[in-house]
Amino acid sequence: MRELNSIQEKILDRTLFVIGLKGSYDVSVRDITNAAGVNVNAIHYYFGNKEALFDRMEEFFIENYLSIHSVLEDRDINDEQKLMHWANEIMEYTLQYPGIQIILHNNMSGKGRNGKMAKFLIEQSNEFHHRINELFSRLFNVQSDQLMLMRIIFDSALLYPASFGTRPNCDFTKIRDKSFRLSYIKYIIQLLKQGKKHNEIIQFYSEQGAYTP
């Protein structure tokens, strides 16, 4: 995750955060300034108005979105390490910016603020989805429906604790610790590998007529 280097980035950071907490773009300037610890004049000084702030926030989101997936370019680590580091970035980003899910959902369903953002996300998400599928295919030696099911299980295991980790009264404190997250992700990968092996054994004995569900 990139570090925040300015007041502007802090405001953008908190804008994404309050959008995620409210579950929509329907947030006030006061909501944002309270979360960022600045006054209303800071919004006007750095961005002009709320619409301009939202435009810059979406650009900020894109910069982070591309940064998250940059690990897939790393040629110095193996497929399992790539998957672990990518998954950790997804979880960390969702914890820090719960608004990511709102932005993605709105734009992918045609309810975004502008067509440019939607077009970018559709193109990029399709590309990254394809690359993650290729990674799964190599790592787990799966294709088609089995690959899709494993992706659903894996993605759900990442997003559930990360999303609920931003909600009050939810005890997901440990998931904020990077070393714990990496151990958790490795555990999920091992479970998927074991599950696939179990299914292969059942299929083998079924073909031999020695297993009846």
C-alpha atoms as a PDB file:
ATOM      1  CA  MET A   1       0.000   0.000   0.000  1.00  0.00           C
ATOM      2  CA  ARG A   2       1.230   3.484  -0.833  1.00  0.00           C
ATOM      3  CA  GLU A   3       1.908   5.982   1.963  1.00  0.00           C
ATOM      4  CA  LEU A   4      -0.115   9.175   2.321  1.00  0.00           C
ATOM      5  CA  ASN A   5       2.190  12.103   1.594  1.00  0.00           C
ATOM      6  CA  SER A   6      -0.019  15.175   1.743  1.00  0.00           C
ATOM      7  CA  ILE A   7      -3.164  16.741   3.169  1.00  0.00           C
ATOM      8  CA  GLN A   8      -4.831  16.208  -0.215  1.00  0.00           C
ATOM      9  CA  GLU A   9      -4.146  12.470  -0.071  1.00  0.00           C
ATOM     10  CA  LYS A  10      -5.403  12.311   3.508  1.00  0.00           C
ATOM     11  CA  ILE A  11      -8.682  13.920   2.381  1.00  0.00           C
ATOM     12  CA  LEU A  12      -8.942  11.497  -0.541  1.00  0.00           C
ATOM     13  CA  ASP A  13      -8.187   8.608   1.812  1.00  0.00           C
ATOM     14  CA  ARG A  14     -10.984   9.588   4.200  1.00  0.00           C
ATOM     15  CA  THR A  15     -13.417  10.266   1.346  1.00  0.00           C
ATOM     16  CA  LEU A  16     -13.033   6.666   0.203  1.00  0.00           C
ATOM     17  CA  PHE A  17     -13.413   5.540   3.807  1.00  0.00           C
ATOM     18  CA  VAL A  18     -16.676   7.370   4.559  1.00  0.00           C
ATOM     19  CA  ILE A  19     -18.184   6.281   1.217  1.00  0.00           C
ATOM     20  CA  GLY A  20     -17.510   2.705   2.278  1.00  0.00           C
ATOM     21  CA  LEU A  21     -18.981   3.187   5.741  1.00  0.00           C
ATOM     22  CA  LYS A  22     -22.154   4.791   4.356  1.00  0.00           C
ATOM     23  CA  GLY A  23     -22.390   2.320   1.483  1.00  0.00           C
ATOM     24  CA  SER A  24     -22.971   5.035  -1.116  1.00  0.00           C
ATOM     25  CA  TYR A  25     -21.659   8.260  -2.631  1.00  0.00           C
ATOM     26  CA  ASP A  26     -24.284  10.119  -0.601  1.00  0.00           C
ATOM     27  CA  VAL A  27     -21.844  11.647   1.854  1.00  0.00           C
ATOM     28  CA  SER A  28     -21.582  15.286   2.865  1.00  0.00           C
ATOM     29  CA  VAL A  29     -18.535  17.520   2.878  1.00  0.00           C
ATOM     30  CA  ARG A  30     -18.939  17.634   6.657  1.00  0.00           C
ATOM     31  CA  ASP A  31     -18.729  13.815   6.825  1.00  0.00           C
ATOM     32  CA  ILE A  32     -15.457  13.983   4.915  1.00  0.00           C
ATOM     33  CA  THR A  33     -13.898  16.859   6.847  1.00  0.00           C
ATOM     34  CA  ASN A  34     -14.783  15.278  10.193  1.00  0.00           C
ATOM     35  CA  ALA A  35     -13.144  12.011   9.148  1.00  0.00           C
ATOM     36  CA  ALA A  36     -10.079  13.780   7.727  1.00  0.00           C
ATOM     37  CA  GLY A  37      -9.671  16.169  10.658  1.00  0.00           C
ATOM     38  CA  VAL A  38      -9.715  19.273   8.435  1.00  0.00           C
ATOM     39  CA  ASN A  39     -12.111  22.172   8.019  1.00  0.00           C
ATOM     40  CA  VAL A  40     -14.485  22.807   5.123  1.00  0.00           C
ATOM     41  CA  ASN A  41     -12.165  25.442   3.677  1.00  0.00           C
ATOM     42  CA  ALA A  42      -9.575  22.720   3.034  1.00  0.00           C
ATOM     43  CA  ILE A  43     -11.948  21.062   0.548  1.00  0.00           C
ATOM     44  CA  HIS A  44     -12.414  24.327  -1.345  1.00  0.00           C
ATOM     45  CA  TYR A  45      -8.709  25.161  -1.193  1.00  0.00           C
ATOM     46  CA  TYR A  46      -7.408  21.830  -2.473  1.00  0.00           C
ATOM     47  CA  PHE A  47     -10.260  20.678  -4.729  1.00  0.00           C
ATOM     48  CA  GLY A  48     -12.684  23.528  -5.384  1.00  0.00           C
ATOM     49  CA  ASN A  49     -15.917  21.636  -4.666  1.00  0.00           C
ATOM     50  CA  LYS A  50     -17.239  18.189  -3.781  1.00  0.00           C
ATOM     51  CA  GLU A  51     -17.637  17.050  -7.398  1.00  0.00           C
ATOM     52  CA  ALA A  52     -14.022  17.923  -8.149  1.00  0.00           C
ATOM     53  CA  LEU A  53     -13.020  16.101  -4.956  1.00  0.00           C
ATOM     54  CA  PHE A  54     -14.906  12.994  -6.128  1.00  0.00           C
ATOM     55  CA  ASP A  55     -13.209  13.220  -9.547  1.00  0.00           C
ATOM     56  CA  ARG A  56      -9.779  13.297  -7.911  1.00  0.00           C
ATOM     57  CA  MET A  57     -10.793  10.553  -5.476  1.00  0.00           C
ATOM     58  CA  GLU A  58     -11.595   8.251  -8.394  1.00  0.00           C
ATOM     59  CA  GLU A  59      -8.204   9.020  -9.955  1.00  0.00           C
ATOM     60  CA  PHE A  60      -6.624   8.232  -6.565  1.00  0.00           C
ATOM     61  CA  PHE A  61      -8.586   4.991  -6.509  1.00  0.00           C
ATOM     62  CA  ILE A  62      -7.294   4.047  -9.972  1.00  0.00           C
ATOM     63  CA  GLU A  63      -3.682   4.734  -8.938  1.00  0.00           C
ATOM     64  CA  ASN A  64      -4.086   2.434  -5.931  1.00  0.00           C
ATOM     65  CA  TYR A  65      -6.002  -0.152  -7.951  1.00  0.00           C
ATOM     66  CA  LEU A  66      -3.128  -0.470 -10.425  1.00  0.00           C
ATOM     67  CA  SER A  67      -0.594  -0.543  -7.594  1.00  0.00           C
ATOM     68  CA  ILE A  68      -2.385  -3.486  -5.956  1.00  0.00           C
ATOM     69  CA  HIS A  69      -2.095  -5.616  -9.075  1.00  0.00           C
ATOM     70  CA  SER A  70       1.535  -4.705  -9.804  1.00  0.00           C
ATOM     71  CA  VAL A  71       2.663  -7.740  -7.776  1.00  0.00           C
ATOM     72  CA  LEU A  72       1.446  -9.907 -10.646  1.00  0.00           C
ATOM     73  CA  GLU A  73       4.373  -8.519 -12.688  1.00  0.00           C
ATOM     74  CA  ASP A  74       6.992  -9.732 -10.206  1.00  0.00           C
ATOM     75  CA  ARG A  75       9.143 -12.350 -11.945  1.00  0.00           C
ATOM     76  CA  ASP A  76      11.256 -13.053  -8.856  1.00  0.00           C
ATOM     77  CA  ILE A  77       8.578 -14.919  -6.885  1.00  0.00           C
ATOM     78  CA  ASN A  78       6.624 -18.099  -7.607  1.00  0.00           C
ATOM     79  CA  ASP A  79       2.890 -18.374  -8.305  1.00  0.00           C
ATOM     80  CA  GLU A  80       1.905 -19.125  -4.710  1.00  0.00           C
ATOM     81  CA  GLN A  81       3.866 -16.122  -3.449  1.00  0.00           C
ATOM     82  CA  LYS A  82       2.270 -13.931  -6.113  1.00  0.00           C
ATOM     83  CA  LEU A  83      -1.191 -15.072  -5.069  1.00  0.00           C
ATOM     84  CA  MET A  84      -0.416 -14.514  -1.394  1.00  0.00           C
ATOM     85  CA  HIS A  85       0.973 -11.005  -1.906  1.00  0.00           C
ATOM     86  CA  TRP A  86      -1.849 -10.028  -4.269  1.00  0.00           C
ATOM     87  CA  ALA A  87      -4.438 -11.325  -1.804  1.00  0.00           C
ATOM     88  CA  ASN A  88      -2.778  -9.425   1.039  1.00  0.00           C
ATOM     89  CA  GLU A  89      -2.918  -6.194  -0.974  1.00  0.00           C
ATOM     90  CA  ILE A  90      -6.620  -6.751  -1.700  1.00  0.00           C
ATOM     91  CA  MET A  91      -7.368  -7.301   1.976  1.00  0.00           C
ATOM     92  CA  GLU A  92      -5.272  -4.355   3.136  1.00  0.00           C
ATOM     93  CA  TYR A  93      -6.834  -2.032   0.569  1.00  0.00           C
ATOM     94  CA  THR A  94     -10.355  -3.123   1.490  1.00  0.00           C
ATOM     95  CA  LEU A  95      -9.612  -2.589   5.183  1.00  0.00           C
ATOM     96  CA  GLN A  96      -8.186   0.863   4.562  1.00  0.00           C
ATOM     97  CA  TYR A  97     -10.699   1.885   1.901  1.00  0.00           C
ATOM     98  CA  PRO A  98     -14.054   0.132   2.332  1.00  0.00           C
ATOM     99  CA  GLY A  99     -15.349   2.438  -0.425  1.00  0.00           C
ATOM    100  CA  ILE A 100     -13.545   0.259  -2.961  1.00  0.00           C
ATOM    101  CA  GLN A 101     -16.483  -2.160  -3.039  1.00  0.00           C
ATOM    102  CA  ILE A 102     -19.017   0.651  -3.551  1.00  0.00           C
ATOM    103  CA  ILE A 103     -17.005   2.189  -6.376  1.00  0.00           C
ATOM    104  CA  LEU A 104     -16.475  -1.155  -8.093  1.00  0.00           C
ATOM    105  CA  HIS A 105     -20.122  -2.212  -7.760  1.00  0.00           C
ATOM    106  CA  ASN A 106     -21.526   1.115  -8.975  1.00  0.00           C
ATOM    107  CA  ASN A 107     -19.244   1.325 -11.988  1.00  0.00           C
ATOM    108  CA  MET A 108     -19.496  -2.328 -13.001  1.00  0.00           C
ATOM    109  CA  SER A 109     -23.306  -2.151 -12.821  1.00  0.00           C
ATOM    110  CA  GLY A 110     -23.535   1.074 -14.838  1.00  0.00           C
ATOM    111  CA  LYS A 111     -24.338   3.276 -11.841  1.00  0.00           C
ATOM    112  CA  GLY A 112     -21.024   5.092 -11.669  1.00  0.00           C
ATOM    113  CA  ARG A 113     -20.546   8.826 -11.731  1.00  0.00           C
ATOM    114  CA  ASN A 114     -19.000   8.905 -15.202  1.00  0.00           C
ATOM    115  CA  GLY A 115     -18.475   6.630 -18.177  1.00  0.00           C
ATOM    116  CA  LYS A 116     -14.698   7.088 -18.215  1.00  0.00           C
ATOM    117  CA  MET A 117     -14.290   5.503 -14.799  1.00  0.00           C
ATOM    118  CA  ALA A 118     -16.660   2.650 -15.655  1.00  0.00           C
ATOM    119  CA  LYS A 119     -14.834   1.927 -18.914  1.00  0.00           C
ATOM    120  CA  PHE A 120     -11.476   1.824 -17.158  1.00  0.00           C
ATOM    121  CA  LEU A 121     -12.681  -0.501 -14.414  1.00  0.00           C
ATOM    122  CA  ILE A 122     -14.429  -2.876 -16.805  1.00  0.00           C
ATOM    123  CA  GLU A 123     -11.326  -3.131 -19.008  1.00  0.00           C
ATOM    124  CA  GLN A 124      -8.866  -3.457 -16.135  1.00  0.00           C
ATOM    125  CA  SER A 125     -10.966  -5.810 -14.033  1.00  0.00           C
ATOM    126  CA  ASN A 126     -11.436  -8.114 -17.018  1.00  0.00           C
ATOM    127  CA  GLU A 127      -7.687  -8.145 -17.634  1.00  0.00           C
ATOM    128  CA  PHE A 128      -6.791  -8.801 -13.998  1.00  0.00           C
ATOM    129  CA  HIS A 129      -9.576 -11.379 -13.656  1.00  0.00           C
ATOM    130  CA  HIS A 130      -8.065 -13.248 -16.622  1.00  0.00           C
ATOM    131  CA  ARG A 131      -4.556 -13.071 -15.148  1.00  0.00           C
ATOM    132  CA  ILE A 132      -5.682 -14.295 -11.725  1.00  0.00           C
ATOM    133  CA  ASN A 133      -7.515 -17.165 -13.413  1.00  0.00           C
ATOM    134  CA  GLU A 134      -4.310 -18.100 -15.236  1.00  0.00           C
ATOM    135  CA  LEU A 135      -2.480 -18.011 -11.905  1.00  0.00           C
ATOM    136  CA  PHE A 136      -5.105 -20.288 -10.321  1.00  0.00           C
ATOM    137  CA  SER A 137      -4.976 -22.629 -13.295  1.00  0.00           C
ATOM    138  CA  ARG A 138      -1.213 -23.059 -12.947  1.00  0.00           C
ATOM    139  CA  LEU A 139      -1.129 -23.215  -9.159  1.00  0.00           C
ATOM    140  CA  PHE A 140      -4.064 -25.576  -8.605  1.00  0.00           C
ATOM    141  CA  ASN A 141      -4.152 -27.276 -12.025  1.00  0.00           C
ATOM    142  CA  VAL A 142      -7.862 -26.545 -12.491  1.00  0.00           C
ATOM    143  CA  GLN A 143     -10.005 -25.346 -15.366  1.00  0.00           C
ATOM    144  CA  SER A 144     -13.553 -24.202 -16.124  1.00  0.00           C
ATOM    145  CA  ASP A 145     -16.205 -24.785 -13.436  1.00  0.00           C
ATOM    146  CA  GLN A 146     -13.769 -26.030 -10.810  1.00  0.00           C
ATOM    147  CA  LEU A 147     -11.603 -22.939 -11.279  1.00  0.00           C
ATOM    148  CA  MET A 148     -14.672 -20.692 -10.950  1.00  0.00           C
ATOM    149  CA  LEU A 149     -15.737 -22.399  -7.702  1.00  0.00           C
ATOM    150  CA  MET A 150     -12.253 -22.079  -6.235  1.00  0.00           C
ATOM    151  CA  ARG A 151     -12.163 -18.388  -7.155  1.00  0.00           C
ATOM    152  CA  ILE A 152     -15.519 -17.828  -5.430  1.00  0.00           C
ATOM    153  CA  ILE A 153     -14.286 -19.539  -2.266  1.00  0.00           C
ATOM    154  CA  PHE A 154     -10.942 -17.722  -2.286  1.00  0.00           C
ATOM    155  CA  ASP A 155     -12.342 -14.248  -3.085  1.00  0.00           C
ATOM    156  CA  SER A 156     -15.064 -14.634  -0.449  1.00  0.00           C
ATOM    157  CA  ALA A 157     -12.478 -15.667   2.140  1.00  0.00           C
ATOM    158  CA  LEU A 158     -10.561 -12.453   1.435  1.00  0.00           C
ATOM    159  CA  LEU A 159     -13.403  -9.960   1.245  1.00  0.00           C
ATOM    160  CA  TYR A 160     -15.588 -11.119   4.140  1.00  0.00           C
ATOM    161  CA  PRO A 161     -13.165 -10.460   7.021  1.00  0.00           C
ATOM    162  CA  ALA A 162     -11.665  -7.408   5.280  1.00  0.00           C
ATOM    163  CA  SER A 163     -15.071  -5.818   4.665  1.00  0.00           C
ATOM    164  CA  PHE A 164     -16.416  -6.551   8.122  1.00  0.00           C
ATOM    165  CA  GLY A 165     -13.147  -5.421   9.634  1.00  0.00           C
ATOM    166  CA  THR A 166     -14.250  -1.856   8.893  1.00  0.00           C
ATOM    167  CA  ARG A 167     -17.549  -2.220  10.765  1.00  0.00           C
ATOM    168  CA  PRO A 168     -18.054  -1.275  14.421  1.00  0.00           C
ATOM    169  CA  ASN A 169     -18.559  -4.098  16.942  1.00  0.00           C
ATOM    170  CA  CYS A 170     -16.895  -6.717  14.687  1.00  0.00           C
ATOM    171  CA  ASP A 171     -13.892  -8.475  16.206  1.00  0.00           C
ATOM    172  CA  PHE A 172     -11.611  -8.742  13.201  1.00  0.00           C
ATOM    173  CA  THR A 173      -8.707  -6.938  14.889  1.00  0.00           C
ATOM    174  CA  LYS A 174      -6.116  -9.576  13.980  1.00  0.00           C
ATOM    175  CA  ILE A 175      -6.896  -9.343  10.268  1.00  0.00           C
ATOM    176  CA  ARG A 176      -5.306  -5.870  10.295  1.00  0.00           C
ATOM    177  CA  ASP A 177      -1.928  -7.402  11.130  1.00  0.00           C
ATOM    178  CA  LYS A 178       0.038  -8.238   7.962  1.00  0.00           C
ATOM    179  CA  SER A 179       1.760 -11.326   9.353  1.00  0.00           C
ATOM    180  CA  PHE A 180      -1.587 -12.714  10.497  1.00  0.00           C
ATOM    181  CA  ARG A 181      -3.167 -11.960   7.096  1.00  0.00           C
ATOM    182  CA  LEU A 182      -0.379 -13.756   5.246  1.00  0.00           C
ATOM    183  CA  SER A 183      -0.738 -16.796   7.530  1.00  0.00           C
ATOM    184  CA  TYR A 184      -4.491 -16.720   6.975  1.00  0.00           C
ATOM    185  CA  ILE A 185      -4.102 -16.486   3.175  1.00  0.00           C
ATOM    186  CA  LYS A 186      -1.572 -19.349   3.153  1.00  0.00           C
ATOM    187  CA  TYR A 187      -4.029 -21.427   5.177  1.00  0.00           C
ATOM    188  CA  ILE A 188      -6.817 -20.770   2.634  1.00  0.00           C
ATOM    189  CA  ILE A 189      -4.498 -21.789  -0.217  1.00  0.00           C
ATOM    190  CA  GLN A 190      -3.588 -25.022   1.599  1.00  0.00           C
ATOM    191  CA  LEU A 191      -7.263 -25.793   2.221  1.00  0.00           C
ATOM    192  CA  LEU A 192      -8.004 -25.353  -1.487  1.00  0.00           C
ATOM    193  CA  LYS A 193      -5.129 -27.657  -2.398  1.00  0.00           C
ATOM    194  CA  GLN A 194      -6.334 -30.289   0.082  1.00  0.00           C
ATOM    195  CA  GLY A 195      -9.915 -29.987  -1.147  1.00  0.00           C
ATOM    196  CA  LYS A 196      -8.828 -30.483  -4.738  1.00  0.00           C
ATOM    197  CA  LYS A 197      -6.781 -33.552  -3.760  1.00  0.00           C
ATOM    198  CA  HIS A 198      -9.757 -34.960  -1.845  1.00  0.00           C
ATOM    199  CA  ASN A 199     -12.012 -34.512  -4.895  1.00  0.00           C
ATOM    200  CA  GLU A 200      -9.443 -36.207  -7.126  1.00  0.00           C
ATOM    201  CA  ILE A 201      -9.349 -39.239  -4.814  1.00  0.00           C
ATOM    202  CA  ILE A 202     -13.160 -39.469  -4.779  1.00  0.00           C
ATOM    203  CA  GLN A 203     -13.267 -39.150  -8.575  1.00  0.00           C
ATOM    204  CA  PHE A 204     -10.660 -41.902  -8.988  1.00  0.00           C
ATOM    205  CA  TYR A 205     -12.537 -44.375  -6.795  1.00  0.00           C
ATOM    206  CA  SER A 206     -15.855 -43.413  -8.382  1.00  0.00           C
ATOM    207  CA  GLU A 207     -14.427 -44.286 -11.790  1.00  0.00           C
ATOM    208  CA  GLN A 208     -13.346 -47.640 -10.385  1.00  0.00           C
ATOM    209  CA  GLY A 209     -16.867 -48.267  -9.092  1.00  0.00           C
ATOM    210  CA  ALA A 210     -15.597 -48.276  -5.487  1.00  0.00           C
ATOM    211  CA  TYR A 211     -17.284 -45.101  -4.261  1.00  0.00           C
ATOM    212  CA  THR A 212     -20.947 -44.156  -4.149  1.00  0.00           C
ATOM    213  CA  PRO A 213     -21.864 -40.709  -2.779  1.00  0.00           C
END
